[in-house]
């Protein structure tokens, strides 16, 4: 948990005096820092199965990561990412000597859509003339694939 001791940044677009904007500044003392979730955690597990009479062994990995909601700019209700969790899965075959590996993977298996940033911007405008730009990474999309590795 993070907290601001004493800071007065510029107001967010559309912020009024009733919402704490005085003289173009807002007092965010006591609030949390931007992009700092109160909670984040990862649970993961790995299973290896030796396959007798085969040149490869079976591997399986699963992970679940969670991140609680965050503000991307100080106190701006238009720049909030709600909490979300991501489930990832790997199933593969690995040579006994570890040199070769082929893995099928699923990322964001539950297909949770999220953004990695929201900032006031000029690319989008709403009725007040103040718009927001969202940043989206590939992790925000469900993906499936196969990966092959060779170690030298």
Foldseek 3Di string as FASTA:
>chain_A
DAFAAWDWAFDAPPQDVVNAQDPRIHTRGGHGDFPDFPDKDKDKDKDWAQDPPDQKIKIKMKMKIKGAKGANDRPDPVRIKGIDMKIKMKIWIAGPVRFKIKIKIKTRVVLAATFPTKGWDQPDQDPSGIHIDTHHDPSNGIDIDMDIGGDD
